[in-house]
């Protein structure tokens, strides 16, 4: 589909049985601007999600589009959104999250400036805030230590991310054609595909802009959320599926800038550590064996990558030997979960 130049940004809102919270999300995206497109992707919902989407489309014609599809999962909704987008840029906002109005206006002004100046900036990074249930003090994730602020830059100027710091879907706005040209096609009926959404298209990104505003409000703490620990353990097969797809992405230090290769290894390490920790957290012997097998696969597929991942603090921590090693790993995880406000 051709991009229409008058549409600056498409916001894709994946929505499954979201009737109780989706209005907060959608209302935060409706600024009165006519160059913003909101695609509500109703993923086979069985509640009033589809009806609410239709009401928004009727009230905001030309701005909101309600797209209804059989249930295909989070990845399927994003695939449809990328295919249907008319905007020059694209952002995904999950239906239980929302954006800060002032920061959203700043984002739109920035994107409009790129278009007016005929700059094809591939990726805009902004901050996000954990809106955790029961936490009065909110934690913001920012990138001031690794990314230049307020100007366009390339990978050569990207610094080293801290051990616990990485890009998330919440922090990214891609130029839509970058997503299409990257060949991204997320697996259906699979959770945790947001890691693929961040990871794979980065190899098609050449120019970046860091907008230092707290844009995305990431709601966390609902017991049925996919990132809830108990839910992650139940769905560990899907986490491992995404992990292995990331391992299969063909990235070579000879084909991409050094900083990009370094970051991709860092992000892969984070996902491997999450997979390993959830497998250990289950307490089942068969899951411990699957953790060992995962790292064997990494070593077999690419010994150089394996060495790079294993020699890091996190890589060492999730591979401590014996039962005492497992206890130490889980103790470190519990501390990190509290500090980082994980679910």
C-alpha atoms as a PDB file:
ATOM      1  CA  UNK A   1       0.000   0.000   0.000  1.00  0.00           C
ATOM      2  CA  UNK A   2       1.320   3.460  -0.884  1.00  0.00           C
ATOM      3  CA  UNK A   3       1.940   5.884   1.940  1.00  0.00           C
ATOM      4  CA  UNK A   4      -0.197   9.015   1.791  1.00  0.00           C
ATOM      5  CA  UNK A   5       2.068  12.018   2.449  1.00  0.00           C
ATOM      6  CA  UNK A   6      -0.526  13.832   4.572  1.00  0.00           C
ATOM      7  CA  UNK A   7      -0.480  11.032   7.169  1.00  0.00           C
ATOM      8  CA  UNK A   8       2.445  11.569   9.515  1.00  0.00           C
ATOM      9  CA  UNK A   9       1.971   8.722  11.986  1.00  0.00           C
ATOM     10  CA  UNK A  10       0.020   5.493  12.162  1.00  0.00           C
ATOM     11  CA  UNK A  11      -0.581   4.158  15.664  1.00  0.00           C
ATOM     12  CA  UNK A  12      -1.450   0.472  15.742  1.00  0.00           C
ATOM     13  CA  UNK A  13      -3.522  -0.549  18.779  1.00  0.00           C
ATOM     14  CA  UNK A  14      -3.656  -4.366  19.156  1.00  0.00           C
ATOM     15  CA  UNK A  15      -6.877  -5.110  21.028  1.00  0.00           C
ATOM     16  CA  UNK A  16      -8.126  -8.418  22.374  1.00  0.00           C
ATOM     17  CA  UNK A  17     -10.959  -8.393  24.932  1.00  0.00           C
ATOM     18  CA  UNK A  18      -9.856  -4.896  25.888  1.00  0.00           C
ATOM     19  CA  UNK A  19     -13.246  -3.280  26.482  1.00  0.00           C
ATOM     20  CA  UNK A  20     -12.465  -2.445  30.116  1.00  0.00           C
ATOM     21  CA  UNK A  21      -9.387  -0.324  29.392  1.00  0.00           C
ATOM     22  CA  UNK A  22      -8.992   0.491  25.681  1.00  0.00           C
ATOM     23  CA  UNK A  23     -10.749   3.882  25.854  1.00  0.00           C
ATOM     24  CA  UNK A  24      -7.963   5.361  28.000  1.00  0.00           C
ATOM     25  CA  UNK A  25      -5.459   4.271  25.367  1.00  0.00           C
ATOM     26  CA  UNK A  26      -7.377   5.545  22.351  1.00  0.00           C
ATOM     27  CA  UNK A  27      -8.356   8.850  23.976  1.00  0.00           C
ATOM     28  CA  UNK A  28      -4.677   9.584  24.645  1.00  0.00           C
ATOM     29  CA  UNK A  29      -3.970   9.272  20.901  1.00  0.00           C
ATOM     30  CA  UNK A  30      -6.731  11.596  19.717  1.00  0.00           C
ATOM     31  CA  UNK A  31      -5.153  15.040  19.724  1.00  0.00           C
ATOM     32  CA  UNK A  32      -7.420  16.625  17.134  1.00  0.00           C
ATOM     33  CA  UNK A  33      -4.721  16.252  14.500  1.00  0.00           C
ATOM     34  CA  UNK A  34      -5.815  14.963  11.103  1.00  0.00           C
ATOM     35  CA  UNK A  35      -2.361  13.646  10.146  1.00  0.00           C
ATOM     36  CA  UNK A  36      -2.504  10.898  12.797  1.00  0.00           C
ATOM     37  CA  UNK A  37      -4.108   7.571  12.003  1.00  0.00           C
ATOM     38  CA  UNK A  38      -5.225   5.180  14.749  1.00  0.00           C
ATOM     39  CA  UNK A  39      -5.751   1.560  13.680  1.00  0.00           C
ATOM     40  CA  UNK A  40      -7.680  -0.407  16.290  1.00  0.00           C
ATOM     41  CA  UNK A  41      -7.053  -4.067  15.450  1.00  0.00           C
ATOM     42  CA  UNK A  42      -9.824  -6.120  17.036  1.00  0.00           C
ATOM     43  CA  UNK A  43      -8.223  -9.553  17.301  1.00  0.00           C
ATOM     44  CA  UNK A  44     -11.322 -11.744  17.406  1.00  0.00           C
ATOM     45  CA  UNK A  45     -12.503 -10.306  20.726  1.00  0.00           C
ATOM     46  CA  UNK A  46     -15.502 -11.889  22.459  1.00  0.00           C
ATOM     47  CA  UNK A  47     -16.409  -8.820  24.530  1.00  0.00           C
ATOM     48  CA  UNK A  48     -17.372  -5.280  23.455  1.00  0.00           C
ATOM     49  CA  UNK A  49     -13.938  -4.429  22.011  1.00  0.00           C
ATOM     50  CA  UNK A  50     -15.151  -4.551  18.408  1.00  0.00           C
ATOM     51  CA  UNK A  51     -18.234  -2.439  19.143  1.00  0.00           C
ATOM     52  CA  UNK A  52     -16.144   0.203  20.938  1.00  0.00           C
ATOM     53  CA  UNK A  53     -13.724   0.290  17.998  1.00  0.00           C
ATOM     54  CA  UNK A  54     -16.636   0.864  15.611  1.00  0.00           C
ATOM     55  CA  UNK A  55     -17.925   3.735  17.763  1.00  0.00           C
ATOM     56  CA  UNK A  56     -14.536   5.460  17.629  1.00  0.00           C
ATOM     57  CA  UNK A  57     -14.357   4.983  13.861  1.00  0.00           C
ATOM     58  CA  UNK A  58     -17.818   6.564  13.475  1.00  0.00           C
ATOM     59  CA  UNK A  59     -16.927   9.498  15.746  1.00  0.00           C
ATOM     60  CA  UNK A  60     -13.484  10.124  14.215  1.00  0.00           C
ATOM     61  CA  UNK A  61     -13.837   9.309  10.504  1.00  0.00           C
ATOM     62  CA  UNK A  62     -10.579   9.457   8.585  1.00  0.00           C
ATOM     63  CA  UNK A  63      -8.562   9.270  11.809  1.00  0.00           C
ATOM     64  CA  UNK A  64      -9.682   6.031  13.492  1.00  0.00           C
ATOM     65  CA  UNK A  65     -10.078   2.809  11.565  1.00  0.00           C
ATOM     66  CA  UNK A  66     -11.543  -0.306  13.157  1.00  0.00           C
ATOM     67  CA  UNK A  67     -10.121  -3.494  11.666  1.00  0.00           C
ATOM     68  CA  UNK A  68     -11.711  -6.788  12.710  1.00  0.00           C
ATOM     69  CA  UNK A  69      -9.987 -10.124  12.222  1.00  0.00           C
ATOM     70  CA  UNK A  70     -10.173 -13.687  13.525  1.00  0.00           C
ATOM     71  CA  UNK A  71      -7.963 -14.218  16.539  1.00  0.00           C
ATOM     72  CA  UNK A  72      -4.338 -14.434  15.463  1.00  0.00           C
ATOM     73  CA  UNK A  73      -2.449 -13.105  18.446  1.00  0.00           C
ATOM     74  CA  UNK A  74      -0.357 -10.008  19.111  1.00  0.00           C
ATOM     75  CA  UNK A  75       2.024 -10.620  16.217  1.00  0.00           C
ATOM     76  CA  UNK A  76      -0.836 -10.982  13.778  1.00  0.00           C
ATOM     77  CA  UNK A  77      -2.330  -7.617  14.774  1.00  0.00           C
ATOM     78  CA  UNK A  78       1.010  -5.875  14.252  1.00  0.00           C
ATOM     79  CA  UNK A  79       1.478  -7.554  10.862  1.00  0.00           C
ATOM     80  CA  UNK A  80      -1.952  -6.279   9.792  1.00  0.00           C
ATOM     81  CA  UNK A  81      -1.183  -2.822  11.137  1.00  0.00           C
ATOM     82  CA  UNK A  82       2.070  -2.594   9.167  1.00  0.00           C
ATOM     83  CA  UNK A  83       0.285  -3.762   6.023  1.00  0.00           C
ATOM     84  CA  UNK A  84      -2.612  -1.325   6.393  1.00  0.00           C
ATOM     85  CA  UNK A  85      -0.683   1.721   7.650  1.00  0.00           C
ATOM     86  CA  UNK A  86      -0.894   4.958   5.670  1.00  0.00           C
ATOM     87  CA  UNK A  87       1.459   6.895   7.927  1.00  0.00           C
ATOM     88  CA  UNK A  88       5.044   7.767   7.099  1.00  0.00           C
ATOM     89  CA  UNK A  89       5.927   6.539  10.603  1.00  0.00           C
ATOM     90  CA  UNK A  90       4.448   3.775  12.742  1.00  0.00           C
ATOM     91  CA  UNK A  91       4.133   3.137  16.457  1.00  0.00           C
ATOM     92  CA  UNK A  92       2.492   0.277  18.354  1.00  0.00           C
ATOM     93  CA  UNK A  93       0.584   1.133  21.542  1.00  0.00           C
ATOM     94  CA  UNK A  94      -0.990  -1.808  23.346  1.00  0.00           C
ATOM     95  CA  UNK A  95      -4.618  -1.295  24.345  1.00  0.00           C
ATOM     96  CA  UNK A  96      -3.916  -1.352  28.100  1.00  0.00           C
ATOM     97  CA  UNK A  97      -1.180   1.288  27.791  1.00  0.00           C
ATOM     98  CA  UNK A  98      -1.360   4.955  26.833  1.00  0.00           C
ATOM     99  CA  UNK A  99       0.772   7.959  25.853  1.00  0.00           C
ATOM    100  CA  UNK A 100       1.496  11.221  27.627  1.00  0.00           C
ATOM    101  CA  UNK A 101      -0.322  14.035  25.734  1.00  0.00           C
ATOM    102  CA  UNK A 102       2.494  16.623  25.835  1.00  0.00           C
ATOM    103  CA  UNK A 103       5.135  14.084  24.889  1.00  0.00           C
ATOM    104  CA  UNK A 104       2.921  12.812  22.060  1.00  0.00           C
ATOM    105  CA  UNK A 105       2.610  16.361  20.695  1.00  0.00           C
ATOM    106  CA  UNK A 106       6.405  16.653  20.846  1.00  0.00           C
ATOM    107  CA  UNK A 107       6.732  13.409  18.901  1.00  0.00           C
ATOM    108  CA  UNK A 108       4.317  14.588  16.211  1.00  0.00           C
ATOM    109  CA  UNK A 109       6.115  17.925  15.886  1.00  0.00           C
ATOM    110  CA  UNK A 110       9.421  16.069  15.462  1.00  0.00           C
ATOM    111  CA  UNK A 111       8.050  13.723  12.797  1.00  0.00           C
ATOM    112  CA  UNK A 112       6.410  16.598  10.922  1.00  0.00           C
ATOM    113  CA  UNK A 113       9.756  18.381  10.940  1.00  0.00           C
ATOM    114  CA  UNK A 114      11.476  15.387   9.354  1.00  0.00           C
ATOM    115  CA  UNK A 115       8.842  15.256   6.610  1.00  0.00           C
ATOM    116  CA  UNK A 116       8.952  19.003   5.961  1.00  0.00           C
ATOM    117  CA  UNK A 117      12.758  18.872   5.690  1.00  0.00           C
ATOM    118  CA  UNK A 118      12.559  15.739   3.530  1.00  0.00           C
ATOM    119  CA  UNK A 119      14.636  13.765   6.031  1.00  0.00           C
ATOM    120  CA  UNK A 120      14.132   9.999   5.985  1.00  0.00           C
ATOM    121  CA  UNK A 121      14.937   9.284   9.612  1.00  0.00           C
ATOM    122  CA  UNK A 122      14.560   5.533  10.099  1.00  0.00           C
ATOM    123  CA  UNK A 123      13.983   5.270  13.846  1.00  0.00           C
ATOM    124  CA  UNK A 124      12.871   7.583  16.637  1.00  0.00           C
ATOM    125  CA  UNK A 125      13.590   6.458  20.205  1.00  0.00           C
ATOM    126  CA  UNK A 126      11.779   7.948  23.211  1.00  0.00           C
ATOM    127  CA  UNK A 127      11.401   7.049  26.875  1.00  0.00           C
ATOM    128  CA  UNK A 128       8.740   4.960  28.571  1.00  0.00           C
ATOM    129  CA  UNK A 129       7.432   4.798  32.123  1.00  0.00           C
ATOM    130  CA  UNK A 130       6.414   1.723  34.111  1.00  0.00           C
ATOM    131  CA  UNK A 131       2.910   2.384  35.463  1.00  0.00           C
ATOM    132  CA  UNK A 132       2.949  -0.453  37.959  1.00  0.00           C
ATOM    133  CA  UNK A 133      -0.096  -1.207  40.070  1.00  0.00           C
ATOM    134  CA  UNK A 134       0.524  -0.309  43.713  1.00  0.00           C
ATOM    135  CA  UNK A 135       3.751   1.604  43.066  1.00  0.00           C
ATOM    136  CA  UNK A 136       3.471   5.309  43.883  1.00  0.00           C
ATOM    137  CA  UNK A 137       6.901   6.067  42.468  1.00  0.00           C
ATOM    138  CA  UNK A 138       7.070   5.344  38.741  1.00  0.00           C
ATOM    139  CA  UNK A 139      10.267   4.196  37.038  1.00  0.00           C
ATOM    140  CA  UNK A 140      11.153   5.815  33.722  1.00  0.00           C
ATOM    141  CA  UNK A 141      13.450   4.082  31.246  1.00  0.00           C
ATOM    142  CA  UNK A 142      15.621   6.622  29.450  1.00  0.00           C
ATOM    143  CA  UNK A 143      18.588   6.422  27.074  1.00  0.00           C
ATOM    144  CA  UNK A 144      20.527   9.619  27.786  1.00  0.00           C
ATOM    145  CA  UNK A 145      23.681   7.667  28.609  1.00  0.00           C
ATOM    146  CA  UNK A 146      23.864   5.959  25.197  1.00  0.00           C
ATOM    147  CA  UNK A 147      22.104   8.137  22.599  1.00  0.00           C
ATOM    148  CA  UNK A 148      22.795  11.727  21.491  1.00  0.00           C
ATOM    149  CA  UNK A 149      19.810  13.977  22.128  1.00  0.00           C
ATOM    150  CA  UNK A 150      17.920  16.258  19.789  1.00  0.00           C
ATOM    151  CA  UNK A 151      19.681  15.483  16.513  1.00  0.00           C
ATOM    152  CA  UNK A 152      19.878  12.811  13.859  1.00  0.00           C
ATOM    153  CA  UNK A 153      22.762  10.358  14.280  1.00  0.00           C
ATOM    154  CA  UNK A 154      24.024   6.988  13.052  1.00  0.00           C
ATOM    155  CA  UNK A 155      25.084   3.782  14.786  1.00  0.00           C
ATOM    156  CA  UNK A 156      28.678   5.037  15.025  1.00  0.00           C
ATOM    157  CA  UNK A 157      27.534   7.458  17.761  1.00  0.00           C
ATOM    158  CA  UNK A 158      25.593   4.931  19.851  1.00  0.00           C
ATOM    159  CA  UNK A 159      27.219   4.129  23.175  1.00  0.00           C
ATOM    160  CA  UNK A 160      27.186   0.982  25.281  1.00  0.00           C
ATOM    161  CA  UNK A 161      23.912   0.026  26.944  1.00  0.00           C
ATOM    162  CA  UNK A 162      23.958  -0.835  30.612  1.00  0.00           C
ATOM    163  CA  UNK A 163      23.484  -4.489  31.573  1.00  0.00           C
ATOM    164  CA  UNK A 164      19.798  -4.031  32.421  1.00  0.00           C
ATOM    165  CA  UNK A 165      19.083  -1.455  29.709  1.00  0.00           C
ATOM    166  CA  UNK A 166      17.675  -2.298  26.295  1.00  0.00           C
ATOM    167  CA  UNK A 167      15.242  -1.034  23.681  1.00  0.00           C
ATOM    168  CA  UNK A 168      11.616  -2.082  23.935  1.00  0.00           C
ATOM    169  CA  UNK A 169       8.699  -1.779  21.566  1.00  0.00           C
ATOM    170  CA  UNK A 170       7.353   0.980  23.823  1.00  0.00           C
ATOM    171  CA  UNK A 171      10.345   3.190  23.042  1.00  0.00           C
ATOM    172  CA  UNK A 172      10.367   2.896  19.239  1.00  0.00           C
ATOM    173  CA  UNK A 173       8.778   4.683  16.293  1.00  0.00           C
ATOM    174  CA  UNK A 174       9.897   3.218  12.965  1.00  0.00           C
ATOM    175  CA  UNK A 175       9.659   4.758   9.542  1.00  0.00           C
ATOM    176  CA  UNK A 176       6.968   2.507   8.081  1.00  0.00           C
ATOM    177  CA  UNK A 177       8.944   1.600   4.973  1.00  0.00           C
ATOM    178  CA  UNK A 178      11.805   0.368   7.182  1.00  0.00           C
ATOM    179  CA  UNK A 179       9.462  -2.184   8.752  1.00  0.00           C
ATOM    180  CA  UNK A 180       8.242  -3.295   5.343  1.00  0.00           C
ATOM    181  CA  UNK A 181      11.683  -3.454   3.762  1.00  0.00           C
ATOM    182  CA  UNK A 182      13.056  -5.449   6.708  1.00  0.00           C
ATOM    183  CA  UNK A 183      10.719  -8.321   5.818  1.00  0.00           C
ATOM    184  CA  UNK A 184       9.364  -8.445   9.367  1.00  0.00           C
ATOM    185  CA  UNK A 185       6.558 -10.985   9.721  1.00  0.00           C
ATOM    186  CA  UNK A 186       5.746 -11.834  13.307  1.00  0.00           C
ATOM    187  CA  UNK A 187       4.528 -15.342  14.174  1.00  0.00           C
ATOM    188  CA  UNK A 188       0.844 -15.729  14.942  1.00  0.00           C
ATOM    189  CA  UNK A 189      -0.630 -17.096  18.184  1.00  0.00           C
ATOM    190  CA  UNK A 190       2.635 -16.303  19.929  1.00  0.00           C
ATOM    191  CA  UNK A 191       3.330 -14.008  22.861  1.00  0.00           C
ATOM    192  CA  UNK A 192       6.565 -12.032  23.415  1.00  0.00           C
ATOM    193  CA  UNK A 193       6.928 -11.110  19.722  1.00  0.00           C
ATOM    194  CA  UNK A 194       7.692  -7.516  20.731  1.00  0.00           C
ATOM    195  CA  UNK A 195      11.326  -8.632  21.035  1.00  0.00           C
ATOM    196  CA  UNK A 196      11.314  -9.585  17.356  1.00  0.00           C
ATOM    197  CA  UNK A 197       9.659  -6.269  16.488  1.00  0.00           C
ATOM    198  CA  UNK A 198      12.577  -4.468  18.119  1.00  0.00           C
ATOM    199  CA  UNK A 199      15.321  -6.820  16.977  1.00  0.00           C
ATOM    200  CA  UNK A 200      14.957  -7.760  13.320  1.00  0.00           C
ATOM    201  CA  UNK A 201      14.242  -4.330  11.731  1.00  0.00           C
ATOM    202  CA  UNK A 202      17.292  -2.759  13.385  1.00  0.00           C
ATOM    203  CA  UNK A 203      19.474  -4.106  10.570  1.00  0.00           C
ATOM    204  CA  UNK A 204      17.522  -1.872   8.174  1.00  0.00           C
ATOM    205  CA  UNK A 205      17.996   1.225  10.355  1.00  0.00           C
ATOM    206  CA  UNK A 206      20.692   3.704   9.376  1.00  0.00           C
ATOM    207  CA  UNK A 207      19.556   7.022  10.873  1.00  0.00           C
ATOM    208  CA  UNK A 208      18.220   7.521  14.420  1.00  0.00           C
ATOM    209  CA  UNK A 209      16.797  10.354  16.497  1.00  0.00           C
ATOM    210  CA  UNK A 210      16.443  10.297  20.290  1.00  0.00           C
ATOM    211  CA  UNK A 211      13.500  12.343  21.550  1.00  0.00           C
ATOM    212  CA  UNK A 212      14.099  12.624  25.280  1.00  0.00           C
ATOM    213  CA  UNK A 213      10.487  12.706  26.492  1.00  0.00           C
ATOM    214  CA  UNK A 214       8.577  10.237  28.692  1.00  0.00           C
ATOM    215  CA  UNK A 215       6.087   9.266  26.004  1.00  0.00           C
ATOM    216  CA  UNK A 216       4.811   5.743  26.599  1.00  0.00           C
ATOM    217  CA  UNK A 217       3.031   4.721  29.780  1.00  0.00           C
ATOM    218  CA  UNK A 218       3.492   0.970  30.218  1.00  0.00           C
ATOM    219  CA  UNK A 219       0.779  -0.428  32.480  1.00  0.00           C
ATOM    220  CA  UNK A 220       1.981  -3.419  34.443  1.00  0.00           C
ATOM    221  CA  UNK A 221       0.646  -5.446  37.357  1.00  0.00           C
ATOM    222  CA  UNK A 222      -2.504  -7.128  36.077  1.00  0.00           C
ATOM    223  CA  UNK A 223      -2.358 -10.834  37.028  1.00  0.00           C
ATOM    224  CA  UNK A 224      -3.389 -12.001  33.547  1.00  0.00           C
ATOM    225  CA  UNK A 225      -0.751  -9.991  31.670  1.00  0.00           C
ATOM    226  CA  UNK A 226       1.628 -11.911  29.425  1.00  0.00           C
ATOM    227  CA  UNK A 227       4.624 -10.520  31.365  1.00  0.00           C
ATOM    228  CA  UNK A 228       3.305 -11.758  34.716  1.00  0.00           C
ATOM    229  CA  UNK A 229       5.835 -14.281  36.002  1.00  0.00           C
ATOM    230  CA  UNK A 230       3.362 -17.133  36.476  1.00  0.00           C
ATOM    231  CA  UNK A 231       1.945 -16.522  32.999  1.00  0.00           C
ATOM    232  CA  UNK A 232       5.445 -16.472  31.485  1.00  0.00           C
ATOM    233  CA  UNK A 233       6.260 -19.817  33.070  1.00  0.00           C
ATOM    234  CA  UNK A 234       3.042 -21.302  31.676  1.00  0.00           C
ATOM    235  CA  UNK A 235       3.885 -19.905  28.249  1.00  0.00           C
ATOM    236  CA  UNK A 236       7.580 -20.701  28.314  1.00  0.00           C
ATOM    237  CA  UNK A 237       7.296 -22.560  24.993  1.00  0.00           C
ATOM    238  CA  UNK A 238       6.317 -19.293  23.300  1.00  0.00           C
ATOM    239  CA  UNK A 239       9.164 -17.394  24.963  1.00  0.00           C
ATOM    240  CA  UNK A 240      11.584 -20.068  23.715  1.00  0.00           C
ATOM    241  CA  UNK A 241      10.072 -19.904  20.227  1.00  0.00           C
ATOM    242  CA  UNK A 242      10.778 -16.170  20.027  1.00  0.00           C
ATOM    243  CA  UNK A 243      14.220 -16.719  21.535  1.00  0.00           C
ATOM    244  CA  UNK A 244      15.127 -19.237  18.838  1.00  0.00           C
ATOM    245  CA  UNK A 245      13.762 -17.062  16.011  1.00  0.00           C
ATOM    246  CA  UNK A 246      16.051 -14.295  17.265  1.00  0.00           C
ATOM    247  CA  UNK A 247      18.962 -16.724  17.276  1.00  0.00           C
ATOM    248  CA  UNK A 248      18.195 -17.494  13.620  1.00  0.00           C
ATOM    249  CA  UNK A 249      18.351 -13.841  12.519  1.00  0.00           C
ATOM    250  CA  UNK A 250      21.375 -13.657  10.259  1.00  0.00           C
ATOM    251  CA  UNK A 251      23.494 -10.864  11.706  1.00  0.00           C
ATOM    252  CA  UNK A 252      27.225 -10.744  11.025  1.00  0.00           C
ATOM    253  CA  UNK A 253      29.844  -8.384  12.493  1.00  0.00           C
ATOM    254  CA  UNK A 254      31.138  -7.971   8.932  1.00  0.00           C
ATOM    255  CA  UNK A 255      27.797  -6.750   7.546  1.00  0.00           C
ATOM    256  CA  UNK A 256      26.574  -4.242  10.146  1.00  0.00           C
ATOM    257  CA  UNK A 257      28.169  -1.367  12.103  1.00  0.00           C
ATOM    258  CA  UNK A 258      30.076  -2.369  15.232  1.00  0.00           C
ATOM    259  CA  UNK A 259      27.661  -0.599  17.588  1.00  0.00           C
ATOM    260  CA  UNK A 260      24.648  -2.275  15.990  1.00  0.00           C
ATOM    261  CA  UNK A 261      26.254  -5.725  16.221  1.00  0.00           C
ATOM    262  CA  UNK A 262      27.162  -5.047  19.849  1.00  0.00           C
ATOM    263  CA  UNK A 263      23.597  -3.980  20.634  1.00  0.00           C
ATOM    264  CA  UNK A 264      22.031  -6.977  18.895  1.00  0.00           C
ATOM    265  CA  UNK A 265      24.202  -9.334  20.920  1.00  0.00           C
ATOM    266  CA  UNK A 266      23.188  -7.436  24.036  1.00  0.00           C
ATOM    267  CA  UNK A 267      19.474  -7.742  23.240  1.00  0.00           C
ATOM    268  CA  UNK A 268      19.820 -11.430  22.368  1.00  0.00           C
ATOM    269  CA  UNK A 269      21.572 -11.946  25.691  1.00  0.00           C
ATOM    270  CA  UNK A 270      18.720 -10.261  27.581  1.00  0.00           C
ATOM    271  CA  UNK A 271      16.158 -12.557  25.957  1.00  0.00           C
ATOM    272  CA  UNK A 272      18.294 -15.662  26.590  1.00  0.00           C
ATOM    273  CA  UNK A 273      18.632 -14.663  30.236  1.00  0.00           C
ATOM    274  CA  UNK A 274      14.860 -14.150  30.573  1.00  0.00           C
ATOM    275  CA  UNK A 275      14.224 -17.568  29.002  1.00  0.00           C
ATOM    276  CA  UNK A 276      16.810 -19.203  31.251  1.00  0.00           C
ATOM    277  CA  UNK A 277      15.510 -17.550  34.410  1.00  0.00           C
ATOM    278  CA  UNK A 278      11.896 -18.551  33.723  1.00  0.00           C
ATOM    279  CA  UNK A 279      13.011 -22.130  33.070  1.00  0.00           C
ATOM    280  CA  UNK A 280      14.873 -22.143  36.381  1.00  0.00           C
ATOM    281  CA  UNK A 281      11.996 -20.408  38.162  1.00  0.00           C
ATOM    282  CA  UNK A 282       9.586 -23.197  37.225  1.00  0.00           C
ATOM    283  CA  UNK A 283      11.562 -25.557  39.470  1.00  0.00           C
ATOM    284  CA  UNK A 284      11.018 -28.504  37.134  1.00  0.00           C
ATOM    285  CA  UNK A 285      13.965 -30.735  36.268  1.00  0.00           C
ATOM    286  CA  UNK A 286      12.821 -30.966  32.647  1.00  0.00           C
ATOM    287  CA  UNK A 287      12.907 -27.159  32.382  1.00  0.00           C
ATOM    288  CA  UNK A 288      16.425 -27.056  33.777  1.00  0.00           C
ATOM    289  CA  UNK A 289      17.370 -29.511  31.016  1.00  0.00           C
ATOM    290  CA  UNK A 290      15.736 -27.224  28.442  1.00  0.00           C
ATOM    291  CA  UNK A 291      17.789 -24.317  29.767  1.00  0.00           C
ATOM    292  CA  UNK A 292      20.975 -26.320  29.296  1.00  0.00           C
ATOM    293  CA  UNK A 293      19.861 -27.311  25.793  1.00  0.00           C
ATOM    294  CA  UNK A 294      19.178 -23.682  24.840  1.00  0.00           C
ATOM    295  CA  UNK A 295      22.747 -22.674  25.617  1.00  0.00           C
ATOM    296  CA  UNK A 296      24.066 -25.767  23.830  1.00  0.00           C
ATOM    297  CA  UNK A 297      22.194 -24.659  20.730  1.00  0.00           C
ATOM    298  CA  UNK A 298      23.762 -21.212  20.919  1.00  0.00           C
ATOM    299  CA  UNK A 299      27.227 -22.755  21.223  1.00  0.00           C
ATOM    300  CA  UNK A 300      26.566 -25.116  18.320  1.00  0.00           C
ATOM    301  CA  UNK A 301      25.052 -22.437  16.039  1.00  0.00           C
ATOM    302  CA  UNK A 302      27.743 -19.806  16.598  1.00  0.00           C
ATOM    303  CA  UNK A 303      30.616 -20.472  19.021  1.00  0.00           C
ATOM    304  CA  UNK A 304      31.790 -16.848  18.812  1.00  0.00           C
ATOM    305  CA  UNK A 305      28.372 -15.527  19.833  1.00  0.00           C
ATOM    306  CA  UNK A 306      28.202 -18.136  22.595  1.00  0.00           C
ATOM    307  CA  UNK A 307      31.542 -16.989  24.025  1.00  0.00           C
ATOM    308  CA  UNK A 308      30.448 -13.338  23.908  1.00  0.00           C
ATOM    309  CA  UNK A 309      27.175 -14.105  25.708  1.00  0.00           C
ATOM    310  CA  UNK A 310      28.620 -16.484  28.303  1.00  0.00           C
ATOM    311  CA  UNK A 311      31.423 -14.210  29.452  1.00  0.00           C
ATOM    312  CA  UNK A 312      29.049 -11.421  30.495  1.00  0.00           C
ATOM    313  CA  UNK A 313      27.802 -11.054  34.054  1.00  0.00           C
ATOM    314  CA  UNK A 314      24.270 -12.143  33.116  1.00  0.00           C
ATOM    315  CA  UNK A 315      25.473 -15.029  30.964  1.00  0.00           C
ATOM    316  CA  UNK A 316      27.591 -16.266  33.843  1.00  0.00           C
ATOM    317  CA  UNK A 317      24.844 -15.777  36.408  1.00  0.00           C
ATOM    318  CA  UNK A 318      22.220 -17.956  34.674  1.00  0.00           C
ATOM    319  CA  UNK A 319      24.738 -20.746  34.118  1.00  0.00           C
ATOM    320  CA  UNK A 320      26.091 -21.174  37.655  1.00  0.00           C
ATOM    321  CA  UNK A 321      26.561 -24.903  38.346  1.00  0.00           C
ATOM    322  CA  UNK A 322      24.633 -27.044  40.806  1.00  0.00           C
ATOM    323  CA  UNK A 323      21.654 -26.391  43.040  1.00  0.00           C
ATOM    324  CA  UNK A 324      23.470 -23.633  44.911  1.00  0.00           C
ATOM    325  CA  UNK A 325      24.066 -21.915  41.564  1.00  0.00           C
ATOM    326  CA  UNK A 326      20.379 -22.090  40.733  1.00  0.00           C
ATOM    327  CA  UNK A 327      19.511 -20.599  44.122  1.00  0.00           C
ATOM    328  CA  UNK A 328      21.979 -17.764  43.578  1.00  0.00           C
ATOM    329  CA  UNK A 329      20.520 -17.062  40.127  1.00  0.00           C
ATOM    330  CA  UNK A 330      16.969 -16.919  41.473  1.00  0.00           C
ATOM    331  CA  UNK A 331      17.974 -14.732  44.415  1.00  0.00           C
ATOM    332  CA  UNK A 332      19.539 -12.242  41.993  1.00  0.00           C
ATOM    333  CA  UNK A 333      16.394 -12.387  39.858  1.00  0.00           C
ATOM    334  CA  UNK A 334      14.115 -11.635  42.810  1.00  0.00           C
ATOM    335  CA  UNK A 335      16.192  -8.588  43.676  1.00  0.00           C
ATOM    336  CA  UNK A 336      16.177  -7.345  40.087  1.00  0.00           C
ATOM    337  CA  UNK A 337      12.422  -7.909  39.817  1.00  0.00           C
ATOM    338  CA  UNK A 338      11.784  -5.644  42.802  1.00  0.00           C
ATOM    339  CA  UNK A 339      14.216  -2.920  41.716  1.00  0.00           C
ATOM    340  CA  UNK A 340      13.043  -2.895  38.091  1.00  0.00           C
ATOM    341  CA  UNK A 341       9.344  -3.170  39.028  1.00  0.00           C
ATOM    342  CA  UNK A 342       8.845  -6.313  36.982  1.00  0.00           C
ATOM    343  CA  UNK A 343       5.493  -8.076  37.146  1.00  0.00           C
END
